[in-house]
Amino acid sequence: MTKFIEVHWTSGSLDEARKISRFLVQEHYVACAQIVPWIESVFLWNNQLETAQESKILLKTHIDLYDKVKEVIQKNCSYQVPEITYTVIEGGNKEYLDWLSEVLHMNTST
């Protein structure tokens, strides 16, 4: 069965989020990028409590493309240690999953 994932990434700027997301979609590394333009994150960095305004990006792709997606983000984002995580999509609308497969040029029967 085809394993689709949703990659979660945060960016320090909306422009950066848009630029990288558009590249990932154009190259068929992801089928869809959803950008939540503004979130506030609270975290520890170098033992200091920090608050940052960020953009949250959700990327729909296939598990086999994760390393490429991660590489593109790491090479092009401004963060020293960017959040790049993923969750496996366990199920969903078959027509949507078929569309993911089509956009990513993959065969859903694999």
PDB file of N, CA and C in Angstrom:
ATOM      1  N   MET A   1       0.849  -1.193   0.000  1.00  0.00           N
ATOM      2  CA  MET A   1       0.000   0.000   0.000  1.00  0.00           C
ATOM      3  C   MET A   1       0.887   1.247   0.000  1.00  0.00           C
ATOM      4  N   THR A   2       0.451   2.256  -0.689  1.00  0.00           N
ATOM      5  CA  THR A   2       1.185   3.512  -0.770  1.00  0.00           C
ATOM      6  C   THR A   2       1.112   4.235   0.558  1.00  0.00           C
ATOM      7  N   LYS A   3       2.265   4.711   1.039  1.00  0.00           N
ATOM      8  CA  LYS A   3       2.303   5.435   2.306  1.00  0.00           C
ATOM      9  C   LYS A   3       2.465   6.920   2.072  1.00  0.00           C
ATOM     10  N   PHE A   4       1.375   7.634   2.290  1.00  0.00           N
ATOM     11  CA  PHE A   4       1.436   9.077   2.211  1.00  0.00           C
ATOM     12  C   PHE A   4       1.697   9.639   3.595  1.00  0.00           C
ATOM     13  N   ILE A   5       2.344  10.792   3.631  1.00  0.00           N
ATOM     14  CA  ILE A   5       2.649  11.449   4.887  1.00  0.00           C
ATOM     15  C   ILE A   5       2.279  12.924   4.804  1.00  0.00           C
ATOM     16  N   GLU A   6       2.129  13.528   5.976  1.00  0.00           N
ATOM     17  CA  GLU A   6       1.963  14.963   6.068  1.00  0.00           C
ATOM     18  C   GLU A   6       3.186  15.483   6.821  1.00  0.00           C
ATOM     19  N   VAL A   7       3.977  16.293   6.130  1.00  0.00           N
ATOM     20  CA  VAL A   7       5.188  16.869   6.726  1.00  0.00           C
ATOM     21  C   VAL A   7       4.805  18.177   7.406  1.00  0.00           C
ATOM     22  N   HIS A   8       5.307  18.372   8.609  1.00  0.00           N
ATOM     23  CA  HIS A   8       5.071  19.586   9.378  1.00  0.00           C
ATOM     24  C   HIS A   8       6.392  20.361   9.448  1.00  0.00           C
ATOM     25  N   TRP A   9       6.319  21.620   9.080  1.00  0.00           N
ATOM     26  CA  TRP A   9       7.523  22.457   9.046  1.00  0.00           C
ATOM     27  C   TRP A   9       7.142  23.853   9.501  1.00  0.00           C
ATOM     28  N   THR A  10       8.037  24.522  10.222  1.00  0.00           N
ATOM     29  CA  THR A  10       7.818  25.916  10.584  1.00  0.00           C
ATOM     30  C   THR A  10       8.909  26.770   9.971  1.00  0.00           C
ATOM     31  N   SER A  11       8.489  27.954   9.536  1.00  0.00           N
ATOM     32  CA  SER A  11       9.385  28.888   8.864  1.00  0.00           C
ATOM     33  C   SER A  11       9.374  30.219   9.611  1.00  0.00           C
ATOM     34  N   GLY A  12      10.499  30.894   9.580  1.00  0.00           N
ATOM     35  CA  GLY A  12      10.616  32.187  10.236  1.00  0.00           C
ATOM     36  C   GLY A  12       9.979  33.326   9.467  1.00  0.00           C
ATOM     37  N   SER A  13       9.624  33.088   8.198  1.00  0.00           N
ATOM     38  CA  SER A  13       8.987  34.154   7.424  1.00  0.00           C
ATOM     39  C   SER A  13       8.006  33.565   6.426  1.00  0.00           C
ATOM     40  N   LEU A  14       6.974  34.328   6.146  1.00  0.00           N
ATOM     41  CA  LEU A  14       5.971  33.908   5.179  1.00  0.00           C
ATOM     42  C   LEU A  14       6.563  33.834   3.774  1.00  0.00           C
ATOM     43  N   ASP A  15       7.428  34.770   3.428  1.00  0.00           N
ATOM     44  CA  ASP A  15       8.068  34.740   2.104  1.00  0.00           C
ATOM     45  C   ASP A  15       8.880  33.464   1.912  1.00  0.00           C
ATOM     46  N   GLU A  16       9.640  33.069   2.934  1.00  0.00           N
ATOM     47  CA  GLU A  16      10.427  31.844   2.868  1.00  0.00           C
ATOM     48  C   GLU A  16       9.509  30.634   2.718  1.00  0.00           C
ATOM     49  N   ALA A  17       8.424  30.611   3.489  1.00  0.00           N
ATOM     50  CA  ALA A  17       7.465  29.505   3.414  1.00  0.00           C
ATOM     51  C   ALA A  17       6.882  29.383   2.004  1.00  0.00           C
ATOM     52  N   ARG A  18       6.511  30.509   1.424  1.00  0.00           N
ATOM     53  CA  ARG A  18       5.934  30.498   0.075  1.00  0.00           C
ATOM     54  C   ARG A  18       6.950  30.044  -0.966  1.00  0.00           C
ATOM     55  N   LYS A  19       8.147  30.579  -0.898  1.00  0.00           N
ATOM     56  CA  LYS A  19       9.184  30.258  -1.886  1.00  0.00           C
ATOM     57  C   LYS A  19       9.508  28.759  -1.879  1.00  0.00           C
ATOM     58  N   ILE A  20       9.764  28.220  -0.714  1.00  0.00           N
ATOM     59  CA  ILE A  20      10.137  26.802  -0.613  1.00  0.00           C
ATOM     60  C   ILE A  20       8.947  25.911  -0.965  1.00  0.00           C
ATOM     61  N   SER A  21       7.752  26.277  -0.495  1.00  0.00           N
ATOM     62  CA  SER A  21       6.555  25.481  -0.786  1.00  0.00           C
ATOM     63  C   SER A  21       6.277  25.422  -2.280  1.00  0.00           C
ATOM     64  N   ARG A  22       6.375  26.559  -2.946  1.00  0.00           N
ATOM     65  CA  ARG A  22       6.138  26.582  -4.401  1.00  0.00           C
ATOM     66  C   ARG A  22       7.137  25.701  -5.141  1.00  0.00           C
ATOM     67  N   PHE A  23       8.398  25.751  -4.741  1.00  0.00           N
ATOM     68  CA  PHE A  23       9.410  24.908  -5.369  1.00  0.00           C
ATOM     69  C   PHE A  23       9.072  23.433  -5.176  1.00  0.00           C
ATOM     70  N   LEU A  24       8.719  23.050  -3.946  1.00  0.00           N
ATOM     71  CA  LEU A  24       8.405  21.648  -3.656  1.00  0.00           C
ATOM     72  C   LEU A  24       7.223  21.148  -4.489  1.00  0.00           C
ATOM     73  N   VAL A  25       6.206  21.993  -4.675  1.00  0.00           N
ATOM     74  CA  VAL A  25       5.044  21.602  -5.479  1.00  0.00           C
ATOM     75  C   VAL A  25       5.424  21.525  -6.959  1.00  0.00           C
ATOM     76  N   GLN A  26       6.133  22.520  -7.451  1.00  0.00           N
ATOM     77  CA  GLN A  26       6.514  22.539  -8.874  1.00  0.00           C
ATOM     78  C   GLN A  26       7.370  21.340  -9.250  1.00  0.00           C
ATOM     79  N   GLU A  27       8.207  20.892  -8.334  1.00  0.00           N
ATOM     80  CA  GLU A  27       9.082  19.748  -8.600  1.00  0.00           C
ATOM     81  C   GLU A  27       8.408  18.399  -8.335  1.00  0.00           C
ATOM     82  N   HIS A  28       7.139  18.421  -7.930  1.00  0.00           N
ATOM     83  CA  HIS A  28       6.377  17.216  -7.609  1.00  0.00           C
ATOM     84  C   HIS A  28       6.965  16.451  -6.425  1.00  0.00           C
ATOM     85  N   TYR A  29       7.652  17.152  -5.534  1.00  0.00           N
ATOM     86  CA  TYR A  29       8.119  16.528  -4.286  1.00  0.00           C
ATOM     87  C   TYR A  29       6.981  16.482  -3.274  1.00  0.00           C
ATOM     88  N   VAL A  30       6.038  17.420  -3.385  1.00  0.00           N
ATOM     89  CA  VAL A  30       4.825  17.410  -2.572  1.00  0.00           C
ATOM     90  C   VAL A  30       3.652  17.708  -3.506  1.00  0.00           C
ATOM     91  N   ALA A  31       2.486  17.180  -3.147  1.00  0.00           N
ATOM     92  CA  ALA A  31       1.298  17.431  -3.958  1.00  0.00           C
ATOM     93  C   ALA A  31       0.611  18.720  -3.539  1.00  0.00           C
ATOM     94  N   CYS A  32       0.765  19.079  -2.283  1.00  0.00           N
ATOM     95  CA  CYS A  32       0.049  20.229  -1.746  1.00  0.00           C
ATOM     96  C   CYS A  32       0.841  20.815  -0.583  1.00  0.00           C
ATOM     97  N   ALA A  33       0.863  22.130  -0.513  1.00  0.00           N
ATOM     98  CA  ALA A  33       1.467  22.831   0.624  1.00  0.00           C
ATOM     99  C   ALA A  33       0.420  23.771   1.192  1.00  0.00           C
ATOM    100  N   GLN A  34       0.133  23.632   2.460  1.00  0.00           N
ATOM    101  CA  GLN A  34      -0.812  24.516   3.137  1.00  0.00           C
ATOM    102  C   GLN A  34      -0.025  25.380   4.108  1.00  0.00           C
ATOM    103  N   ILE A  35      -0.142  26.680   3.939  1.00  0.00           N
ATOM    104  CA  ILE A  35       0.627  27.614   4.760  1.00  0.00           C
ATOM    105  C   ILE A  35      -0.323  28.334   5.710  1.00  0.00           C
ATOM    106  N   VAL A  36      -0.083  28.166   6.993  1.00  0.00           N
ATOM    107  CA  VAL A  36      -0.786  28.937   8.018  1.00  0.00           C
ATOM    108  C   VAL A  36       0.139  30.114   8.303  1.00  0.00           C
ATOM    109  N   PRO A  37      -0.248  31.321   7.858  1.00  0.00           N
ATOM    110  CA  PRO A  37       0.700  32.432   7.822  1.00  0.00           C
ATOM    111  C   PRO A  37       1.250  32.887   9.168  1.00  0.00           C
ATOM    112  N   TRP A  38       0.501  32.670  10.246  1.00  0.00           N
ATOM    113  CA  TRP A  38       0.992  33.204  11.505  1.00  0.00           C
ATOM    114  C   TRP A  38       0.635  32.280  12.656  1.00  0.00           C
ATOM    115  N   ILE A  39       1.665  31.836  13.362  1.00  0.00           N
ATOM    116  CA  ILE A  39       1.498  31.125  14.626  1.00  0.00           C
ATOM    117  C   ILE A  39       2.500  31.724  15.597  1.00  0.00           C
ATOM    118  N   GLU A  40       2.244  31.553  16.850  1.00  0.00           N
ATOM    119  CA  GLU A  40       3.214  31.987  17.861  1.00  0.00           C
ATOM    120  C   GLU A  40       3.743  30.749  18.546  1.00  0.00           C
ATOM    121  N   SER A  41       5.052  30.595  18.555  1.00  0.00           N
ATOM    122  CA  SER A  41       5.691  29.440  19.170  1.00  0.00           C
ATOM    123  C   SER A  41       6.434  29.867  20.423  1.00  0.00           C
ATOM    124  N   VAL A  42       6.323  29.056  21.456  1.00  0.00           N
ATOM    125  CA  VAL A  42       7.042  29.273  22.711  1.00  0.00           C
ATOM    126  C   VAL A  42       7.917  28.044  22.915  1.00  0.00           C
ATOM    127  N   PHE A  43       9.225  28.249  23.113  1.00  0.00           N
ATOM    128  CA  PHE A  43      10.153  27.122  23.176  1.00  0.00           C
ATOM    129  C   PHE A  43      11.419  27.520  23.933  1.00  0.00           C
ATOM    130  N   LEU A  44      12.199  26.509  24.303  1.00  0.00           N
ATOM    131  CA  LEU A  44      13.503  26.743  24.909  1.00  0.00           C
ATOM    132  C   LEU A  44      14.574  26.636  23.836  1.00  0.00           C
ATOM    133  N   TRP A  45      15.480  27.604  23.802  1.00  0.00           N
ATOM    134  CA  TRP A  45      16.614  27.580  22.880  1.00  0.00           C
ATOM    135  C   TRP A  45      17.821  28.090  23.653  1.00  0.00           C
ATOM    136  N   ASN A  46      18.864  27.260  23.733  1.00  0.00           N
ATOM    137  CA  ASN A  46      20.062  27.596  24.522  1.00  0.00           C
ATOM    138  C   ASN A  46      19.687  27.975  25.954  1.00  0.00           C
ATOM    139  N   ASN A  47      18.807  27.180  26.546  1.00  0.00           N
ATOM    140  CA  ASN A  47      18.338  27.361  27.924  1.00  0.00           C
ATOM    141  C   ASN A  47      17.637  28.685  28.170  1.00  0.00           C
ATOM    142  N   GLN A  48      17.141  29.310  27.119  1.00  0.00           N
ATOM    143  CA  GLN A  48      16.399  30.559  27.236  1.00  0.00           C
ATOM    144  C   GLN A  48      14.980  30.342  26.715  1.00  0.00           C
ATOM    145  N   LEU A  49      14.014  30.880  27.450  1.00  0.00           N
ATOM    146  CA  LEU A  49      12.640  30.827  26.987  1.00  0.00           C
ATOM    147  C   LEU A  49      12.470  31.832  25.850  1.00  0.00           C
ATOM    148  N   GLU A  50      12.011  31.358  24.712  1.00  0.00           N
ATOM    149  CA  GLU A  50      11.863  32.186  23.512  1.00  0.00           C
ATOM    150  C   GLU A  50      10.417  32.176  23.039  1.00  0.00           C
ATOM    151  N   THR A  51      10.029  33.240  22.394  1.00  0.00           N
ATOM    152  CA  THR A  51       8.743  33.343  21.716  1.00  0.00           C
ATOM    153  C   THR A  51       9.017  33.869  20.320  1.00  0.00           C
ATOM    154  N   ALA A  52       8.435  33.211  19.325  1.00  0.00           N
ATOM    155  CA  ALA A  52       8.679  33.622  17.936  1.00  0.00           C
ATOM    156  C   ALA A  52       7.383  33.569  17.141  1.00  0.00           C
ATOM    157  N   GLN A  53       7.245  34.500  16.222  1.00  0.00           N
ATOM    158  CA  GLN A  53       6.158  34.459  15.258  1.00  0.00           C
ATOM    159  C   GLN A  53       6.669  33.703  14.039  1.00  0.00           C
ATOM    160  N   GLU A  54       5.927  32.683  13.644  1.00  0.00           N
ATOM    161  CA  GLU A  54       6.362  31.812  12.560  1.00  0.00           C
ATOM    162  C   GLU A  54       5.190  31.520  11.631  1.00  0.00           C
ATOM    163  N   SER A  55       5.491  30.870  10.520  1.00  0.00           N
ATOM    164  CA  SER A  55       4.482  30.307   9.641  1.00  0.00           C
ATOM    165  C   SER A  55       4.554  28.790   9.779  1.00  0.00           C
ATOM    166  N   LYS A  56       3.408  28.145   9.764  1.00  0.00           N
ATOM    167  CA  LYS A  56       3.329  26.685   9.845  1.00  0.00           C
ATOM    168  C   LYS A  56       2.972  26.159   8.473  1.00  0.00           C
ATOM    169  N   ILE A  57       3.719  25.176   8.002  1.00  0.00           N
ATOM    170  CA  ILE A  57       3.485  24.621   6.683  1.00  0.00           C
ATOM    171  C   ILE A  57       3.197  23.126   6.813  1.00  0.00           C
ATOM    172  N   LEU A  58       2.138  22.690   6.134  1.00  0.00           N
ATOM    173  CA  LEU A  58       1.770  21.284   6.088  1.00  0.00           C
ATOM    174  C   LEU A  58       1.915  20.838   4.643  1.00  0.00           C
ATOM    175  N   LEU A  59       2.691  19.791   4.427  1.00  0.00           N
ATOM    176  CA  LEU A  59       3.020  19.314   3.086  1.00  0.00           C
ATOM    177  C   LEU A  59       2.537  17.883   2.925  1.00  0.00           C
ATOM    178  N   LYS A  60       1.788  17.606   1.857  1.00  0.00           N
ATOM    179  CA  LYS A  60       1.311  16.246   1.582  1.00  0.00           C
ATOM    180  C   LYS A  60       2.233  15.608   0.548  1.00  0.00           C
ATOM    181  N   THR A  61       2.779  14.436   0.904  1.00  0.00           N
ATOM    182  CA  THR A  61       3.711  13.764  -0.001  1.00  0.00           C
ATOM    183  C   THR A  61       3.723  12.264   0.283  1.00  0.00           C
ATOM    184  N   HIS A  62       4.655  11.570  -0.336  1.00  0.00           N
ATOM    185  CA  HIS A  62       4.843  10.134  -0.147  1.00  0.00           C
ATOM    186  C   HIS A  62       6.083   9.915   0.707  1.00  0.00           C
ATOM    187  N   ILE A  63       6.058   8.881   1.520  1.00  0.00           N
ATOM    188  CA  ILE A  63       7.180   8.579   2.424  1.00  0.00           C
ATOM    189  C   ILE A  63       8.509   8.491   1.667  1.00  0.00           C
ATOM    190  N   ASP A  64       8.483   7.986   0.440  1.00  0.00           N
ATOM    191  CA  ASP A  64       9.718   7.840  -0.337  1.00  0.00           C
ATOM    192  C   ASP A  64      10.320   9.194  -0.740  1.00  0.00           C
ATOM    193  N   LEU A  65       9.525  10.250  -0.677  1.00  0.00           N
ATOM    194  CA  LEU A  65      10.011  11.583  -1.052  1.00  0.00           C
ATOM    195  C   LEU A  65      10.420  12.424   0.157  1.00  0.00           C
ATOM    196  N   TYR A  66      10.251  11.883   1.366  1.00  0.00           N
ATOM    197  CA  TYR A  66      10.538  12.656   2.577  1.00  0.00           C
ATOM    198  C   TYR A  66      11.974  13.175   2.620  1.00  0.00           C
ATOM    199  N   ASP A  67      12.952  12.336   2.331  1.00  0.00           N
ATOM    200  CA  ASP A  67      14.358  12.776   2.408  1.00  0.00           C
ATOM    201  C   ASP A  67      14.633  13.941   1.460  1.00  0.00           C
ATOM    202  N   LYS A  68      14.046  13.918   0.281  1.00  0.00           N
ATOM    203  CA  LYS A  68      14.235  15.006  -0.674  1.00  0.00           C
ATOM    204  C   LYS A  68      13.571  16.284  -0.166  1.00  0.00           C
ATOM    205  N   VAL A  69      12.353  16.168   0.360  1.00  0.00           N
ATOM    206  CA  VAL A  69      11.643  17.321   0.920  1.00  0.00           C
ATOM    207  C   VAL A  69      12.458  17.929   2.064  1.00  0.00           C
ATOM    208  N   LYS A  70      12.932  17.081   2.956  1.00  0.00           N
ATOM    209  CA  LYS A  70      13.739  17.537   4.095  1.00  0.00           C
ATOM    210  C   LYS A  70      15.004  18.249   3.610  1.00  0.00           C
ATOM    211  N   GLU A  71      15.667  17.694   2.620  1.00  0.00           N
ATOM    212  CA  GLU A  71      16.888  18.282   2.076  1.00  0.00           C
ATOM    213  C   GLU A  71      16.625  19.679   1.495  1.00  0.00           C
ATOM    214  N   VAL A  72      15.559  19.814   0.725  1.00  0.00           N
ATOM    215  CA  VAL A  72      15.220  21.114   0.126  1.00  0.00           C
ATOM    216  C   VAL A  72      14.953  22.146   1.215  1.00  0.00           C
ATOM    217  N   ILE A  73      14.183  21.757   2.225  1.00  0.00           N
ATOM    218  CA  ILE A  73      13.883  22.695   3.320  1.00  0.00           C
ATOM    219  C   ILE A  73      15.167  23.098   4.033  1.00  0.00           C
ATOM    220  N   GLN A  74      15.976  22.124   4.415  1.00  0.00           N
ATOM    221  CA  GLN A  74      17.203  22.427   5.167  1.00  0.00           C
ATOM    222  C   GLN A  74      18.156  23.321   4.386  1.00  0.00           C
ATOM    223  N   LYS A  75      18.265  23.110   3.096  1.00  0.00           N
ATOM    224  CA  LYS A  75      19.183  23.914   2.279  1.00  0.00           C
ATOM    225  C   LYS A  75      18.695  25.333   2.045  1.00  0.00           C
ATOM    226  N   ASN A  76      17.378  25.558   2.163  1.00  0.00           N
ATOM    227  CA  ASN A  76      16.814  26.841   1.773  1.00  0.00           C
ATOM    228  C   ASN A  76      16.152  27.636   2.892  1.00  0.00           C
ATOM    229  N   CYS A  77      16.086  27.082   4.083  1.00  0.00           N
ATOM    230  CA  CYS A  77      15.440  27.817   5.170  1.00  0.00           C
ATOM    231  C   CYS A  77      16.488  28.527   6.032  1.00  0.00           C
ATOM    232  N   SER A  78      16.016  29.492   6.776  1.00  0.00           N
ATOM    233  CA  SER A  78      16.920  30.329   7.583  1.00  0.00           C
ATOM    234  C   SER A  78      17.217  29.745   8.962  1.00  0.00           C
ATOM    235  N   TYR A  79      16.464  28.755   9.395  1.00  0.00           N
ATOM    236  CA  TYR A  79      16.667  28.196  10.734  1.00  0.00           C
ATOM    237  C   TYR A  79      17.868  27.261  10.790  1.00  0.00           C
ATOM    238  N   GLN A  80      18.594  27.354  11.889  1.00  0.00           N
ATOM    239  CA  GLN A  80      19.727  26.450  12.125  1.00  0.00           C
ATOM    240  C   GLN A  80      19.225  25.018  12.333  1.00  0.00           C
ATOM    241  N   VAL A  81      18.141  24.883  13.087  1.00  0.00           N
ATOM    242  CA  VAL A  81      17.538  23.575  13.352  1.00  0.00           C
ATOM    243  C   VAL A  81      16.037  23.685  13.074  1.00  0.00           C
ATOM    244  N   PRO A  82      15.635  23.526  11.818  1.00  0.00           N
ATOM    245  CA  PRO A  82      14.214  23.665  11.499  1.00  0.00           C
ATOM    246  C   PRO A  82      13.392  22.480  11.993  1.00  0.00           C
ATOM    247  N   GLU A  83      12.155  22.783  12.377  1.00  0.00           N
ATOM    248  CA  GLU A  83      11.215  21.711  12.680  1.00  0.00           C
ATOM    249  C   GLU A  83      10.802  21.085  11.356  1.00  0.00           C
ATOM    250  N   ILE A  84      11.113  19.811  11.191  1.00  0.00           N
ATOM    251  CA  ILE A  84      10.656  19.046  10.032  1.00  0.00           C
ATOM    252  C   ILE A  84      10.275  17.671  10.568  1.00  0.00           C
ATOM    253  N   THR A  85       8.990  17.452  10.736  1.00  0.00           N
ATOM    254  CA  THR A  85       8.502  16.172  11.231  1.00  0.00           C
ATOM    255  C   THR A  85       7.424  15.682  10.271  1.00  0.00           C
ATOM    256  N   TYR A  86       6.995  14.444  10.450  1.00  0.00           N
ATOM    257  CA  TYR A  86       5.886  13.968   9.630  1.00  0.00           C
ATOM    258  C   TYR A  86       5.024  12.984  10.401  1.00  0.00           C
ATOM    259  N   THR A  87       3.797  12.880   9.937  1.00  0.00           N
ATOM    260  CA  THR A  87       2.880  11.859  10.425  1.00  0.00           C
ATOM    261  C   THR A  87       2.387  11.071   9.208  1.00  0.00           C
ATOM    262  N   VAL A  88       2.160   9.791   9.420  1.00  0.00           N
ATOM    263  CA  VAL A  88       1.673   8.927   8.343  1.00  0.00           C
ATOM    264  C   VAL A  88       0.169   9.138   8.198  1.00  0.00           C
ATOM    265  N   ILE A  89      -0.273   9.267   6.973  1.00  0.00           N
ATOM    266  CA  ILE A  89      -1.703   9.371   6.684  1.00  0.00           C
ATOM    267  C   ILE A  89      -2.239   7.946   6.624  1.00  0.00           C
ATOM    268  N   GLU A  90      -3.027   7.572   7.615  1.00  0.00           N
ATOM    269  CA  GLU A  90      -3.509   6.192   7.745  1.00  0.00           C
ATOM    270  C   GLU A  90      -4.702   5.898   6.857  1.00  0.00           C
ATOM    271  N   GLY A  91      -5.409   6.914   6.441  1.00  0.00           N
ATOM    272  CA  GLY A  91      -6.588   6.698   5.620  1.00  0.00           C
ATOM    273  C   GLY A  91      -7.136   8.029   5.162  1.00  0.00           C
ATOM    274  N   GLY A  92      -8.232   7.972   4.464  1.00  0.00           N
ATOM    275  CA  GLY A  92      -8.854   9.204   4.008  1.00  0.00           C
ATOM    276  C   GLY A  92      -9.663   8.996   2.748  1.00  0.00           C
ATOM    277  N   ASN A  93     -10.111  10.076   2.195  1.00  0.00           N
ATOM    278  CA  ASN A  93     -10.909  10.091   0.981  1.00  0.00           C
ATOM    279  C   ASN A  93     -10.111   9.456  -0.165  1.00  0.00           C
ATOM    280  N   LYS A  94     -10.611   8.353  -0.706  1.00  0.00           N
ATOM    281  CA  LYS A  94      -9.889   7.634  -1.756  1.00  0.00           C
ATOM    282  C   LYS A  94      -9.579   8.518  -2.947  1.00  0.00           C
ATOM    283  N   GLU A  95     -10.535   9.365  -3.346  1.00  0.00           N
ATOM    284  CA  GLU A  95     -10.303  10.247  -4.490  1.00  0.00           C
ATOM    285  C   GLU A  95      -9.165  11.231  -4.202  1.00  0.00           C
ATOM    286  N   TYR A  96      -9.083  11.703  -2.977  1.00  0.00           N
ATOM    287  CA  TYR A  96      -7.991  12.611  -2.606  1.00  0.00           C
ATOM    288  C   TYR A  96      -6.655  11.866  -2.626  1.00  0.00           C
ATOM    289  N   LEU A  97      -6.626  10.670  -2.081  1.00  0.00           N
ATOM    290  CA  LEU A  97      -5.389   9.880  -2.062  1.00  0.00           C
ATOM    291  C   LEU A  97      -4.970   9.506  -3.487  1.00  0.00           C
ATOM    292  N   ASP A  98      -5.944   9.228  -4.357  1.00  0.00           N
ATOM    293  CA  ASP A  98      -5.630   8.968  -5.765  1.00  0.00           C
ATOM    294  C   ASP A  98      -5.018  10.211  -6.416  1.00  0.00           C
ATOM    295  N   TRP A  99      -5.570  11.385  -6.067  1.00  0.00           N
ATOM    296  CA  TRP A  99      -5.032  12.646  -6.593  1.00  0.00           C
ATOM    297  C   TRP A  99      -3.591  12.855  -6.128  1.00  0.00           C
ATOM    298  N   LEU A 100      -3.319  12.566  -4.850  1.00  0.00           N
ATOM    299  CA  LEU A 100      -1.939  12.668  -4.354  1.00  0.00           C
ATOM    300  C   LEU A 100      -1.012  11.809  -5.198  1.00  0.00           C
ATOM    301  N   SER A 101      -1.428  10.581  -5.417  1.00  0.00           N
ATOM    302  CA  SER A 101      -0.630   9.651  -6.205  1.00  0.00           C
ATOM    303  C   SER A 101      -0.391  10.176  -7.619  1.00  0.00           C
ATOM    304  N   GLU A 102      -1.433  10.703  -8.226  1.00  0.00           N
ATOM    305  CA  GLU A 102      -1.322  11.221  -9.591  1.00  0.00           C
ATOM    306  C   GLU A 102      -0.360  12.407  -9.658  1.00  0.00           C
ATOM    307  N   VAL A 103      -0.501  13.334  -8.741  1.00  0.00           N
ATOM    308  CA  VAL A 103       0.344  14.524  -8.737  1.00  0.00           C
ATOM    309  C   VAL A 103       1.815  14.159  -8.473  1.00  0.00           C
ATOM    310  N   LEU A 104       2.010  13.192  -7.608  1.00  0.00           N
ATOM    311  CA  LEU A 104       3.368  12.760  -7.265  1.00  0.00           C
ATOM    312  C   LEU A 104       3.901  11.718  -8.252  1.00  0.00           C
ATOM    313  N   HIS A 105       3.142  11.426  -9.293  1.00  0.00           N
ATOM    314  CA  HIS A 105       3.535  10.457 -10.335  1.00  0.00           C
ATOM    315  C   HIS A 105       3.830   9.097  -9.729  1.00  0.00           C
ATOM    316  N   MET A 106       2.913   8.634  -8.889  1.00  0.00           N
ATOM    317  CA  MET A 106       3.132   7.353  -8.232  1.00  0.00           C
ATOM    318  C   MET A 106       1.954   6.419  -8.520  1.00  0.00           C
ATOM    319  N   ASN A 107       2.172   5.149  -8.372  1.00  0.00           N
ATOM    320  CA  ASN A 107       1.135   4.150  -8.574  1.00  0.00           C
ATOM    321  C   ASN A 107       0.583   3.754  -7.206  1.00  0.00           C
ATOM    322  N   THR A 108      -0.717   3.982  -6.957  1.00  0.00           N
ATOM    323  CA  THR A 108      -1.300   3.700  -5.649  1.00  0.00           C
ATOM    324  C   THR A 108      -1.372   2.209  -5.337  1.00  0.00           C
ATOM    325  N   SER A 109      -1.144   1.363  -6.309  1.00  0.00           N
ATOM    326  CA  SER A 109      -1.213  -0.079  -6.028  1.00  0.00           C
ATOM    327  C   SER A 109       0.110  -0.633  -5.536  1.00  0.00           C
ATOM    328  N   THR A 110       1.153   0.220  -5.411  1.00  0.00           N
ATOM    329  CA  THR A 110       2.450  -0.279  -4.939  1.00  0.00           C
ATOM    330  C   THR A 110       2.494  -0.343  -3.441  1.00  0.00           C
TER     331      THR A 110
END
